[in-house]
Amino acid sequence: MLGSPDRLVIDLDPPDGIRIGELRDAVRRTRGQVANAGLVPFIQTTGGRGFHVTAPLDATANSLR
């Protein structure tokens, strides 16, 4: 439901010319920031070269408004 989010998704799609090592570093840093915020992040590959950093949310996410 739009008013009750149950997950956070950060979509990382690299521009042309970015090496896979640079992309992996960015994904790991993003995962670390999400973890530092108190969430439990997961990394998923998307399409050909992108990644999602995803974290489940509970009812406390609604209190951020």
Protein backbone atom coordinates (compact mmCIF):
# COMPACT_ATOMS: atom_id res chain seq x y z
CA MET A 1 0.00 0.00 0.00
CA LEU A 2 1.36 3.41 -0.92
CA GLY A 3 0.76 4.91 2.52
CA SER A 4 2.41 1.97 4.31
CA PRO A 5 5.78 1.19 2.73
CA ASP A 6 7.13 -2.28 3.45
CA ARG A 7 10.54 -2.00 1.77
CA LEU A 8 13.20 0.45 0.74
CA VAL A 9 14.71 0.00 -2.73
CA ILE A 10 17.72 1.95 -3.95
CA ASP A 11 18.32 1.34 -7.67
CA LEU A 12 21.94 1.69 -8.79
CA ASP A 13 22.29 1.72 -12.58
CA PRO A 14 25.81 2.52 -13.73
CA PRO A 15 26.50 4.86 -16.64
CA ASP A 16 28.57 3.60 -19.54
CA GLY A 17 32.27 3.43 -18.80
CA ILE A 18 32.02 2.51 -15.11
CA ARG A 19 34.11 -0.52 -14.24
CA ILE A 20 32.45 -3.35 -12.31
CA GLY A 21 34.85 -2.85 -9.39
CA GLU A 22 33.75 0.78 -9.01
CA LEU A 23 30.11 -0.24 -9.16
CA ARG A 24 30.59 -2.95 -6.55
CA ASP A 25 32.29 -0.46 -4.24
CA ALA A 26 29.36 1.93 -4.61
CA VAL A 27 26.87 -0.86 -3.92
CA ARG A 28 28.77 -1.95 -0.81
CA ARG A 29 28.97 1.63 0.49
CA THR A 30 25.24 2.07 -0.10
CA ARG A 31 24.53 -1.22 1.72
CA GLY A 32 26.67 0.02 4.61
CA GLN A 33 24.77 3.30 4.85
CA VAL A 34 21.44 1.47 4.88
CA ALA A 35 22.76 -0.84 7.62
CA ASN A 36 24.01 2.19 9.60
CA ALA A 37 20.44 3.50 9.48
CA GLY A 38 19.36 0.39 11.39
CA LEU A 39 17.91 -1.58 8.49
CA VAL A 40 18.91 -5.03 7.20
CA PRO A 41 19.93 -4.54 3.53
CA PHE A 42 20.08 -7.13 0.77
CA ILE A 43 21.75 -6.74 -2.61
CA GLN A 44 20.03 -7.92 -5.80
CA THR A 45 21.22 -7.82 -9.37
CA THR A 46 18.90 -6.14 -11.85
CA GLY A 47 18.85 -6.32 -15.61
CA GLY A 48 22.20 -6.45 -17.28
CA ARG A 49 24.45 -4.35 -15.01
CA GLY A 50 22.47 -2.73 -12.23
CA PHE A 51 21.91 -3.53 -8.58
CA HIS A 52 19.19 -2.93 -6.01
CA VAL A 53 19.98 -2.39 -2.37
CA THR A 54 16.75 -3.48 -0.68
CA ALA A 55 15.74 -3.45 2.98
CA PRO A 56 12.47 -4.53 4.57
CA LEU A 57 10.62 -1.90 6.58
CA ASP A 58 8.31 -2.42 9.50
CA ALA A 59 5.56 -0.19 10.91
CA THR A 60 8.13 2.24 12.35
CA ALA A 61 8.73 3.55 8.82
CA ASN A 62 5.29 5.16 8.96
CA SER A 63 6.35 7.23 11.98
CA LEU A 64 8.90 9.15 9.88
CA ARG A 65 6.28 11.45 8.40
